[in-house]
């Protein structure tokens, strides 16, 4: 669940991106797993979906490094784009983890994270 004000806009990184609608000081928790909003799925549940639904769900899920379940963010957090030098860091844990501002983030700046820090299936682009 996003814990800061954000909006979606065209991204210079990829497609649509998530942008800060407020100044976000370094150390601010930006996102935290919220079971009442974010959906956790097993591989079997995803495979049981009709092919078009499965493709859509896989596009926006990640395999949590700690919990070993697929997470589908129920809000716009699924539009975080990847960066090798992100402005947010992810800290997976048994409770679902958190995303924290790695530095001060200006209003209007795109929020980014390093997918390898939380997604067990992340393959670096170009590989």
N, C-alpha and C. Protein backbone atom coordinates (compact mmCIF):
# COMPACT_ATOMS: atom_id res chain seq x y z
N UNK A 1 0.85 -1.17 0.00
CA UNK A 1 0.00 0.00 0.00
C UNK A 1 0.89 1.23 0.00
N UNK A 2 0.64 2.11 -0.93
CA UNK A 2 1.40 3.36 -0.96
C UNK A 2 1.06 4.20 0.26
N UNK A 3 2.09 4.79 0.85
CA UNK A 3 1.92 5.59 2.07
C UNK A 3 2.25 7.06 1.85
N UNK A 4 2.48 7.42 0.59
CA UNK A 4 2.74 8.82 0.21
C UNK A 4 1.85 9.15 -0.97
N UNK A 5 1.67 10.44 -1.22
CA UNK A 5 0.85 10.87 -2.35
C UNK A 5 1.64 10.71 -3.64
N UNK A 6 1.00 10.07 -4.63
CA UNK A 6 1.63 9.82 -5.91
C UNK A 6 0.64 10.04 -7.04
N UNK A 7 1.15 10.02 -8.25
CA UNK A 7 0.30 10.05 -9.44
C UNK A 7 1.01 9.29 -10.56
N UNK A 8 0.25 8.90 -11.57
CA UNK A 8 0.80 8.20 -12.72
C UNK A 8 0.99 9.18 -13.88
N UNK A 9 2.07 8.97 -14.63
CA UNK A 9 2.33 9.79 -15.81
C UNK A 9 3.26 9.00 -16.74
N UNK A 10 3.44 9.52 -17.94
CA UNK A 10 4.35 8.89 -18.88
C UNK A 10 5.76 8.92 -18.29
N UNK A 11 6.45 7.81 -18.42
CA UNK A 11 7.79 7.66 -17.86
C UNK A 11 8.86 7.76 -18.93
N UNK A 12 9.95 8.40 -18.59
CA UNK A 12 11.12 8.41 -19.47
C UNK A 12 11.89 7.11 -19.38
N UNK A 13 11.53 6.26 -18.42
CA UNK A 13 12.19 4.97 -18.24
C UNK A 13 11.47 3.89 -19.03
N UNK A 14 10.15 3.79 -18.80
CA UNK A 14 9.38 2.74 -19.47
C UNK A 14 7.89 3.00 -19.28
N UNK A 15 7.17 3.19 -20.37
CA UNK A 15 5.71 3.28 -20.33
C UNK A 15 5.17 4.28 -19.34
N UNK A 16 4.44 3.76 -18.37
CA UNK A 16 3.83 4.57 -17.31
C UNK A 16 4.70 4.45 -16.07
N UNK A 17 4.84 5.55 -15.35
CA UNK A 17 5.62 5.54 -14.11
C UNK A 17 4.84 6.12 -12.96
N UNK A 18 5.37 5.89 -11.77
CA UNK A 18 4.80 6.39 -10.52
C UNK A 18 5.61 7.61 -10.10
N UNK A 19 4.94 8.72 -9.84
CA UNK A 19 5.61 9.98 -9.54
C UNK A 19 5.18 10.52 -8.18
N UNK A 20 6.11 11.19 -7.51
CA UNK A 20 5.83 11.79 -6.21
C UNK A 20 4.94 13.01 -6.38
N UNK A 21 3.83 13.05 -5.64
CA UNK A 21 2.93 14.21 -5.64
C UNK A 21 3.22 15.11 -4.44
N UNK A 22 4.32 14.83 -3.78
CA UNK A 22 4.75 15.61 -2.62
C UNK A 22 6.25 15.39 -2.47
N UNK A 23 6.91 16.25 -1.72
CA UNK A 23 8.30 16.02 -1.37
C UNK A 23 8.34 14.83 -0.41
N UNK A 24 9.30 13.93 -0.63
CA UNK A 24 9.43 12.75 0.22
C UNK A 24 10.83 12.75 0.83
N UNK A 25 10.95 12.99 2.12
CA UNK A 25 12.27 13.00 2.76
C UNK A 25 12.91 11.62 2.78
N UNK A 26 14.22 11.58 2.73
CA UNK A 26 14.96 10.33 2.85
C UNK A 26 14.52 9.59 4.10
N UNK A 27 14.39 8.29 4.00
CA UNK A 27 13.99 7.46 5.14
C UNK A 27 12.49 7.27 5.29
N UNK A 28 11.69 7.98 4.51
CA UNK A 28 10.24 7.83 4.58
C UNK A 28 9.82 6.48 4.01
N UNK A 29 8.96 5.78 4.73
CA UNK A 29 8.40 4.54 4.20
C UNK A 29 7.37 4.92 3.14
N UNK A 30 7.62 4.49 1.92
CA UNK A 30 6.81 4.85 0.77
C UNK A 30 5.73 3.82 0.51
N UNK A 31 6.08 2.54 0.76
CA UNK A 31 5.16 1.43 0.50
C UNK A 31 5.38 0.35 1.54
N UNK A 32 4.30 -0.33 1.89
CA UNK A 32 4.35 -1.49 2.78
C UNK A 32 3.26 -2.45 2.34
N UNK A 33 3.54 -3.74 2.38
CA UNK A 33 2.52 -4.73 2.03
C UNK A 33 1.32 -4.58 2.96
N UNK A 34 0.13 -4.53 2.38
CA UNK A 34 -1.11 -4.43 3.14
C UNK A 34 -2.03 -5.55 2.65
N UNK A 35 -2.17 -6.64 3.42
CA UNK A 35 -2.95 -7.79 2.97
C UNK A 35 -4.40 -7.48 2.60
N UNK A 36 -4.98 -6.42 3.15
CA UNK A 36 -6.36 -6.08 2.78
C UNK A 36 -6.44 -5.40 1.41
N UNK A 37 -5.30 -5.02 0.84
CA UNK A 37 -5.27 -4.34 -0.45
C UNK A 37 -4.42 -5.10 -1.48
N UNK A 38 -3.27 -5.59 -1.05
CA UNK A 38 -2.35 -6.28 -1.95
C UNK A 38 -2.65 -7.77 -1.93
N UNK A 39 -2.63 -8.38 -3.10
CA UNK A 39 -3.00 -9.78 -3.25
C UNK A 39 -1.76 -10.65 -3.32
N UNK A 40 -1.73 -11.71 -2.51
CA UNK A 40 -0.66 -12.70 -2.58
C UNK A 40 -1.21 -13.96 -3.22
N UNK A 41 -0.47 -14.47 -4.20
CA UNK A 41 -0.90 -15.64 -4.96
C UNK A 41 0.21 -16.68 -5.01
N UNK A 42 -0.18 -17.94 -5.09
CA UNK A 42 0.79 -19.01 -5.30
C UNK A 42 0.98 -19.21 -6.80
N UNK A 43 2.03 -19.90 -7.17
CA UNK A 43 2.25 -20.22 -8.58
C UNK A 43 1.08 -21.03 -9.13
N UNK A 44 0.54 -21.94 -8.32
CA UNK A 44 -0.59 -22.76 -8.76
C UNK A 44 -1.83 -21.90 -9.02
N UNK A 45 -2.06 -20.90 -8.19
CA UNK A 45 -3.21 -20.02 -8.41
C UNK A 45 -3.07 -19.24 -9.72
N UNK A 46 -1.87 -18.79 -10.01
CA UNK A 46 -1.64 -18.06 -11.25
C UNK A 46 -1.81 -18.98 -12.45
N UNK A 47 -1.27 -20.17 -12.37
CA UNK A 47 -1.38 -21.13 -13.47
C UNK A 47 -2.83 -21.53 -13.74
N UNK A 48 -3.68 -21.49 -12.74
CA UNK A 48 -5.08 -21.87 -12.89
C UNK A 48 -5.91 -20.80 -13.63
N UNK A 49 -5.37 -19.61 -13.80
CA UNK A 49 -6.08 -18.54 -14.49
C UNK A 49 -6.14 -18.80 -15.99
N UNK A 50 -7.14 -18.24 -16.64
CA UNK A 50 -7.21 -18.28 -18.10
C UNK A 50 -5.96 -17.59 -18.65
N UNK A 51 -5.45 -18.02 -19.78
CA UNK A 51 -4.21 -17.45 -20.31
C UNK A 51 -4.15 -15.92 -20.37
N UNK A 52 -5.19 -15.22 -20.84
CA UNK A 52 -5.10 -13.75 -20.85
C UNK A 52 -4.98 -13.15 -19.44
N UNK A 53 -5.73 -13.71 -18.49
CA UNK A 53 -5.66 -13.23 -17.11
C UNK A 53 -4.30 -13.53 -16.51
N UNK A 54 -3.79 -14.73 -16.78
CA UNK A 54 -2.47 -15.12 -16.27
C UNK A 54 -1.39 -14.17 -16.77
N UNK A 55 -1.46 -13.83 -18.05
CA UNK A 55 -0.49 -12.91 -18.64
C UNK A 55 -0.56 -11.54 -17.97
N UNK A 56 -1.76 -11.05 -17.74
CA UNK A 56 -1.94 -9.74 -17.10
C UNK A 56 -1.43 -9.76 -15.66
N UNK A 57 -1.76 -10.81 -14.92
CA UNK A 57 -1.31 -10.91 -13.53
C UNK A 57 0.21 -11.02 -13.47
N UNK A 58 0.82 -11.83 -14.31
CA UNK A 58 2.28 -12.00 -14.29
C UNK A 58 3.00 -10.70 -14.66
N UNK A 59 2.35 -9.87 -15.47
CA UNK A 59 2.96 -8.59 -15.87
C UNK A 59 3.20 -7.70 -14.65
N UNK A 60 2.30 -7.77 -13.67
CA UNK A 60 2.35 -6.85 -12.54
C UNK A 60 2.69 -7.50 -11.20
N UNK A 61 3.02 -8.79 -11.18
CA UNK A 61 3.37 -9.42 -9.91
C UNK A 61 4.88 -9.56 -9.79
N UNK A 62 5.32 -9.78 -8.58
CA UNK A 62 6.72 -10.14 -8.33
C UNK A 62 6.73 -11.29 -7.34
N UNK A 63 7.79 -12.09 -7.38
CA UNK A 63 7.95 -13.21 -6.46
C UNK A 63 8.75 -12.72 -5.26
N UNK A 64 8.07 -12.57 -4.13
CA UNK A 64 8.70 -12.05 -2.92
C UNK A 64 9.87 -12.94 -2.50
N UNK A 65 11.02 -12.33 -2.28
CA UNK A 65 12.23 -13.06 -1.91
C UNK A 65 12.10 -13.82 -0.60
N UNK A 66 11.34 -13.30 0.34
CA UNK A 66 11.23 -13.91 1.67
C UNK A 66 9.99 -14.79 1.76
N UNK A 67 8.85 -14.27 1.37
CA UNK A 67 7.58 -15.00 1.55
C UNK A 67 7.33 -16.05 0.49
N UNK A 68 8.04 -15.97 -0.63
CA UNK A 68 7.94 -16.93 -1.73
C UNK A 68 6.54 -17.00 -2.33
N UNK A 69 5.80 -15.91 -2.24
CA UNK A 69 4.50 -15.81 -2.88
C UNK A 69 4.58 -14.68 -3.90
N UNK A 70 3.68 -14.73 -4.87
CA UNK A 70 3.59 -13.67 -5.86
C UNK A 70 2.72 -12.56 -5.29
N UNK A 71 3.16 -11.32 -5.43
CA UNK A 71 2.44 -10.17 -4.90
C UNK A 71 1.95 -9.31 -6.06
N UNK A 72 0.66 -9.02 -6.02
CA UNK A 72 0.04 -8.10 -6.97
C UNK A 72 -0.40 -6.88 -6.16
N UNK A 73 0.28 -5.76 -6.36
CA UNK A 73 -0.07 -4.55 -5.62
C UNK A 73 -1.47 -4.09 -6.04
N UNK A 74 -2.31 -3.80 -5.07
CA UNK A 74 -3.68 -3.40 -5.33
C UNK A 74 -3.84 -1.92 -5.62
N UNK A 75 -2.75 -1.19 -5.58
CA UNK A 75 -2.81 0.24 -5.91
C UNK A 75 -1.76 0.53 -6.98
N UNK A 76 -1.40 1.77 -7.16
CA UNK A 76 -0.50 2.15 -8.24
C UNK A 76 0.97 1.80 -7.98
N UNK A 77 1.28 1.17 -6.88
CA UNK A 77 2.66 0.76 -6.59
C UNK A 77 3.18 -0.18 -7.68
N UNK A 78 2.30 -0.84 -8.40
CA UNK A 78 2.75 -1.73 -9.47
C UNK A 78 3.40 -0.96 -10.62
N UNK A 79 3.35 0.37 -10.58
CA UNK A 79 3.96 1.18 -11.63
C UNK A 79 5.33 1.74 -11.25
N UNK A 80 5.92 1.27 -10.14
CA UNK A 80 7.32 1.59 -9.87
C UNK A 80 8.13 1.05 -11.04
N UNK A 81 8.99 1.84 -11.61
CA UNK A 81 9.88 1.34 -12.65
C UNK A 81 11.23 1.00 -12.05
N UNK A 82 11.95 0.12 -12.75
CA UNK A 82 13.26 -0.33 -12.29
C UNK A 82 14.33 0.71 -12.59
N UNK A 83 15.30 0.79 -11.68
CA UNK A 83 16.52 1.57 -11.91
C UNK A 83 17.66 0.85 -11.22
N UNK A 84 18.83 0.88 -11.86
CA UNK A 84 20.03 0.34 -11.22
C UNK A 84 20.55 1.30 -10.15
N UNK A 85 20.08 2.55 -10.19
CA UNK A 85 20.43 3.57 -9.19
C UNK A 85 19.12 4.17 -8.68
N UNK A 86 18.32 3.38 -7.94
CA UNK A 86 16.97 3.81 -7.55
C UNK A 86 16.97 4.89 -6.47
N UNK A 87 15.84 5.62 -6.41
CA UNK A 87 15.67 6.59 -5.33
C UNK A 87 14.90 5.99 -4.15
N UNK A 88 14.48 4.72 -4.28
CA UNK A 88 13.83 3.99 -3.19
C UNK A 88 14.51 2.63 -3.04
N UNK A 89 14.65 2.18 -1.80
CA UNK A 89 15.22 0.86 -1.52
C UNK A 89 14.15 -0.03 -0.91
N UNK A 90 14.22 -1.29 -1.27
CA UNK A 90 13.25 -2.28 -0.79
C UNK A 90 13.90 -3.17 0.25
N UNK A 91 13.12 -3.46 1.30
CA UNK A 91 13.60 -4.28 2.41
C UNK A 91 12.60 -5.41 2.65
N UNK A 92 12.76 -6.53 1.93
CA UNK A 92 11.85 -7.66 2.13
C UNK A 92 12.00 -8.23 3.53
N UNK A 93 10.88 -8.71 4.09
CA UNK A 93 10.92 -9.37 5.39
C UNK A 93 9.71 -10.29 5.50
N UNK A 94 9.61 -10.98 6.60
CA UNK A 94 8.53 -11.95 6.80
C UNK A 94 7.14 -11.31 6.81
N UNK A 95 7.06 -10.01 7.04
CA UNK A 95 5.77 -9.31 7.04
C UNK A 95 5.40 -8.72 5.68
N UNK A 96 6.23 -8.95 4.68
CA UNK A 96 5.93 -8.44 3.35
C UNK A 96 6.81 -7.31 2.90
N UNK A 97 7.61 -6.80 3.81
CA UNK A 97 8.59 -5.80 3.45
C UNK A 97 8.09 -4.39 3.35
N UNK A 98 9.04 -3.51 3.03
CA UNK A 98 8.74 -2.09 2.90
C UNK A 98 9.66 -1.49 1.85
N UNK A 99 9.20 -0.40 1.26
CA UNK A 99 10.00 0.39 0.33
C UNK A 99 10.21 1.74 1.00
N UNK A 100 11.47 2.18 1.02
CA UNK A 100 11.86 3.39 1.75
C UNK A 100 12.60 4.34 0.82
N UNK A 101 12.31 5.64 0.95
CA UNK A 101 13.04 6.63 0.15
C UNK A 101 14.52 6.58 0.51
N UNK A 102 15.36 6.34 -0.48
CA UNK A 102 16.81 6.22 -0.27
C UNK A 102 17.47 7.58 -0.11
N UNK A 103 16.79 8.60 -0.58
CA UNK A 103 17.28 9.98 -0.51
C UNK A 103 16.06 10.88 -0.59
N UNK A 104 16.25 12.18 -0.41
CA UNK A 104 15.14 13.10 -0.59
C UNK A 104 14.65 13.00 -2.04
N UNK A 105 13.34 12.95 -2.20
CA UNK A 105 12.72 12.85 -3.53
C UNK A 105 11.85 14.09 -3.72
N UNK A 106 12.07 14.77 -4.81
CA UNK A 106 11.33 16.01 -5.09
C UNK A 106 9.94 15.70 -5.63
N UNK A 107 9.01 16.60 -5.35
CA UNK A 107 7.68 16.49 -5.96
C UNK A 107 7.85 16.47 -7.47
N UNK A 108 7.16 15.57 -8.14
CA UNK A 108 7.25 15.45 -9.59
C UNK A 108 8.29 14.46 -10.07
N UNK A 109 9.12 13.93 -9.17
CA UNK A 109 10.16 12.97 -9.54
C UNK A 109 9.58 11.56 -9.61
N UNK A 110 10.03 10.80 -10.60
CA UNK A 110 9.58 9.42 -10.71
C UNK A 110 10.19 8.57 -9.60
N UNK A 111 9.36 7.72 -9.00
CA UNK A 111 9.82 6.80 -7.95
C UNK A 111 10.35 5.54 -8.63
N UNK A 112 11.54 5.11 -8.24
CA UNK A 112 12.16 3.93 -8.84
C UNK A 112 12.70 3.00 -7.75
N UNK A 113 12.82 1.73 -8.12
CA UNK A 113 13.42 0.76 -7.21
C UNK A 113 14.22 -0.23 -8.03
N UNK A 114 15.09 -0.96 -7.37
CA UNK A 114 15.89 -2.01 -8.00
C UNK A 114 15.14 -3.31 -7.81
N UNK A 115 14.54 -3.83 -8.86
CA UNK A 115 13.72 -5.03 -8.76
C UNK A 115 14.47 -6.21 -8.15
N UNK A 116 15.77 -6.28 -8.34
CA UNK A 116 16.55 -7.40 -7.81
C UNK A 116 16.53 -7.45 -6.29
N UNK A 117 16.22 -6.35 -5.64
CA UNK A 117 16.21 -6.31 -4.17
C UNK A 117 14.98 -6.97 -3.56
N UNK A 118 13.93 -7.24 -4.38
CA UNK A 118 12.71 -7.83 -3.81
C UNK A 118 12.10 -8.93 -4.68
N UNK A 119 12.43 -8.98 -5.97
CA UNK A 119 11.80 -9.94 -6.89
C UNK A 119 12.75 -11.09 -7.17
N UNK A 120 12.41 -12.28 -6.69
CA UNK A 120 13.26 -13.46 -6.86
C UNK A 120 13.40 -13.86 -8.32
N UNK A 121 12.51 -13.39 -9.18
CA UNK A 121 12.56 -13.76 -10.59
C UNK A 121 13.06 -12.63 -11.50
N UNK A 122 13.53 -11.56 -10.91
CA UNK A 122 13.99 -10.43 -11.74
C UNK A 122 15.19 -10.85 -12.59
N UNK A 123 15.08 -10.57 -13.88
CA UNK A 123 16.18 -10.79 -14.81
C UNK A 123 16.59 -9.41 -15.31
N UNK A 124 17.85 -9.04 -15.13
CA UNK A 124 18.27 -7.73 -15.61
C UNK A 124 17.93 -7.55 -17.09
N UNK A 125 17.55 -6.36 -17.45
CA UNK A 125 17.17 -6.07 -18.82
C UNK A 125 18.36 -6.29 -19.74
N UNK A 126 18.06 -6.79 -20.93
CA UNK A 126 19.11 -7.04 -21.91
C UNK A 126 19.76 -8.39 -21.75
N UNK A 127 19.27 -9.21 -20.81
CA UNK A 127 19.87 -10.55 -20.59
C UNK A 127 18.94 -11.61 -21.10
